[in-house]
């Protein structure tokens, strides 16, 4: 029974690397997990490996979502990616584009307000 609970816990930890959630899914307490970890170097190593695999799984999922946003043309995701990888000169170009976009938004807003205030 104890080995089965450990397997369930480690499996859950690989899915989502949050100890509390893995404990809940396995039906054990955090105290139990930390006791097992303290008592067994082998379990501690398996726990670390499962946690690292879980972190990698979450990173993969995050990256997939992030690149999906870029592929679908979401400007903020594109901007973030570019800001992380571009030179300071290229970053200044993005800032200028942001400023021009804001200027255009204000002009459009003024134009819409003028159109609404026209007498009929």
Protein backbone atom coordinates (compact mmCIF):
# COMPACT_ATOMS: atom_id res chain seq x y z
CA UNK A 1 0.00 0.00 0.00
CA UNK A 2 2.78 2.40 1.00
CA UNK A 3 4.68 1.76 -2.27
CA UNK A 4 1.50 2.35 -4.27
CA UNK A 5 0.94 5.72 -2.54
CA UNK A 6 4.54 6.67 -3.29
CA UNK A 7 4.12 5.77 -6.96
CA UNK A 8 0.90 7.76 -7.20
CA UNK A 9 2.52 10.74 -5.48
CA UNK A 10 5.59 10.68 -7.76
CA UNK A 11 3.41 10.27 -10.84
CA UNK A 12 1.29 13.26 -9.84
CA UNK A 13 4.37 15.31 -9.05
CA UNK A 14 5.55 14.71 -12.63
CA UNK A 15 2.21 15.97 -13.94
CA UNK A 16 2.07 19.16 -11.85
CA UNK A 17 5.14 19.88 -9.73
CA UNK A 18 3.23 21.14 -6.70
CA UNK A 19 3.72 18.98 -3.64
CA UNK A 20 0.37 19.88 -2.05
CA UNK A 21 -1.58 18.90 -5.19
CA UNK A 22 0.39 15.67 -5.64
CA UNK A 23 -0.27 14.79 -1.98
CA UNK A 24 -3.99 15.45 -2.37
CA UNK A 25 -4.18 13.23 -5.47
CA UNK A 26 -2.27 10.44 -3.69
CA UNK A 27 -4.35 10.77 -0.52
CA UNK A 28 -1.40 11.48 1.75
CA UNK A 29 -0.21 14.40 3.84
CA UNK A 30 2.77 16.60 3.15
CA UNK A 31 4.22 15.48 6.48
CA UNK A 32 4.18 11.90 5.20
CA UNK A 33 6.03 12.86 2.03
CA UNK A 34 8.67 14.81 3.91
CA UNK A 35 9.09 11.91 6.36
CA UNK A 36 9.57 9.50 3.45
CA UNK A 37 12.05 11.93 1.94
CA UNK A 38 14.00 12.14 5.19
CA UNK A 39 14.00 8.36 5.69
CA UNK A 40 14.96 7.35 2.16
CA UNK A 41 17.67 8.85 -0.01
CA UNK A 42 16.28 6.83 -2.93
CA UNK A 43 12.81 8.36 -2.49
CA UNK A 44 14.34 11.85 -2.17
CA UNK A 45 16.15 11.34 -5.49
CA UNK A 46 12.96 10.05 -7.16
CA UNK A 47 11.04 13.01 -5.77
CA UNK A 48 13.62 15.48 -7.11
CA UNK A 49 13.57 13.80 -10.51
CA UNK A 50 9.75 13.79 -10.64
CA UNK A 51 9.65 17.45 -9.63
CA UNK A 52 12.22 18.39 -12.30
CA UNK A 53 10.29 16.44 -14.94
CA UNK A 54 7.11 18.22 -13.85
CA UNK A 55 8.81 21.60 -14.15
CA UNK A 56 9.98 20.66 -17.64
CA UNK A 57 6.45 19.59 -18.59
CA UNK A 58 5.06 22.92 -17.40
CA UNK A 59 7.80 24.79 -19.28
CA UNK A 60 6.93 22.88 -22.46
CA UNK A 61 3.24 23.67 -22.04
CA UNK A 62 3.98 27.34 -21.37
CA UNK A 63 6.21 27.60 -24.42
CA UNK A 64 3.62 25.92 -26.62
CA UNK A 65 0.97 28.41 -25.51
CA UNK A 66 3.36 31.32 -25.91
CA UNK A 67 4.32 30.34 -29.47
CA UNK A 68 0.68 29.75 -30.29
CA UNK A 69 -0.02 33.36 -29.32
CA UNK A 70 2.83 34.56 -31.52
CA UNK A 71 1.62 32.41 -34.42
CA UNK A 72 -1.88 33.90 -34.05
CA UNK A 73 -0.51 37.44 -34.23
CA UNK A 74 -0.94 38.62 -30.63
CA UNK A 75 1.19 41.75 -30.55
CA UNK A 76 2.04 41.63 -26.84
CA UNK A 77 3.50 38.11 -27.17
CA UNK A 78 5.43 39.13 -30.27
CA UNK A 79 6.67 42.28 -28.55
CA UNK A 80 7.78 40.34 -25.46
CA UNK A 81 9.70 37.86 -27.60
CA UNK A 82 11.39 40.61 -29.57
CA UNK A 83 12.27 42.62 -26.48
CA UNK A 84 13.96 39.55 -24.96
CA UNK A 85 16.09 38.86 -27.99
CA UNK A 86 16.78 42.16 -29.74
CA UNK A 87 19.57 44.68 -29.41
CA UNK A 88 18.94 48.02 -27.64
CA UNK A 89 18.63 49.70 -31.06
CA UNK A 90 15.92 47.28 -32.14
CA UNK A 91 14.14 47.73 -28.82
CA UNK A 92 14.00 51.49 -29.44
CA UNK A 93 12.29 50.78 -32.78
CA UNK A 94 9.61 48.79 -30.97
CA UNK A 95 9.15 51.64 -28.48
CA UNK A 96 8.70 54.07 -31.39
CA UNK A 97 6.10 51.76 -32.94
CA UNK A 98 4.24 51.65 -29.63
CA UNK A 99 4.28 55.45 -29.41
CA UNK A 100 3.00 55.79 -33.00
CA UNK A 101 0.25 53.25 -32.33
CA UNK A 102 -0.83 55.24 -29.27
CA UNK A 103 -0.82 58.48 -31.30
CA UNK A 104 -2.98 56.85 -33.96
CA UNK A 105 -5.37 55.55 -31.32
CA UNK A 106 -5.79 59.06 -29.88
CA UNK A 107 -6.39 60.58 -33.33
CA UNK A 108 -9.01 57.92 -34.09
CA UNK A 109 -10.69 58.55 -30.75
CA UNK A 110 -10.80 62.31 -31.44
CA UNK A 111 -12.22 61.68 -34.91
CA UNK A 112 -14.93 59.41 -33.46
CA UNK A 113 -15.82 62.05 -30.83
CA UNK A 114 -16.08 64.75 -33.52
CA UNK A 115 -18.33 62.48 -35.58
CA UNK A 116 -20.60 61.88 -32.57
CA UNK A 117 -20.85 65.61 -31.79
CA UNK A 118 -21.96 66.56 -35.33
CA UNK A 119 -25.40 68.13 -35.46
CA UNK A 120 -27.86 66.06 -37.43
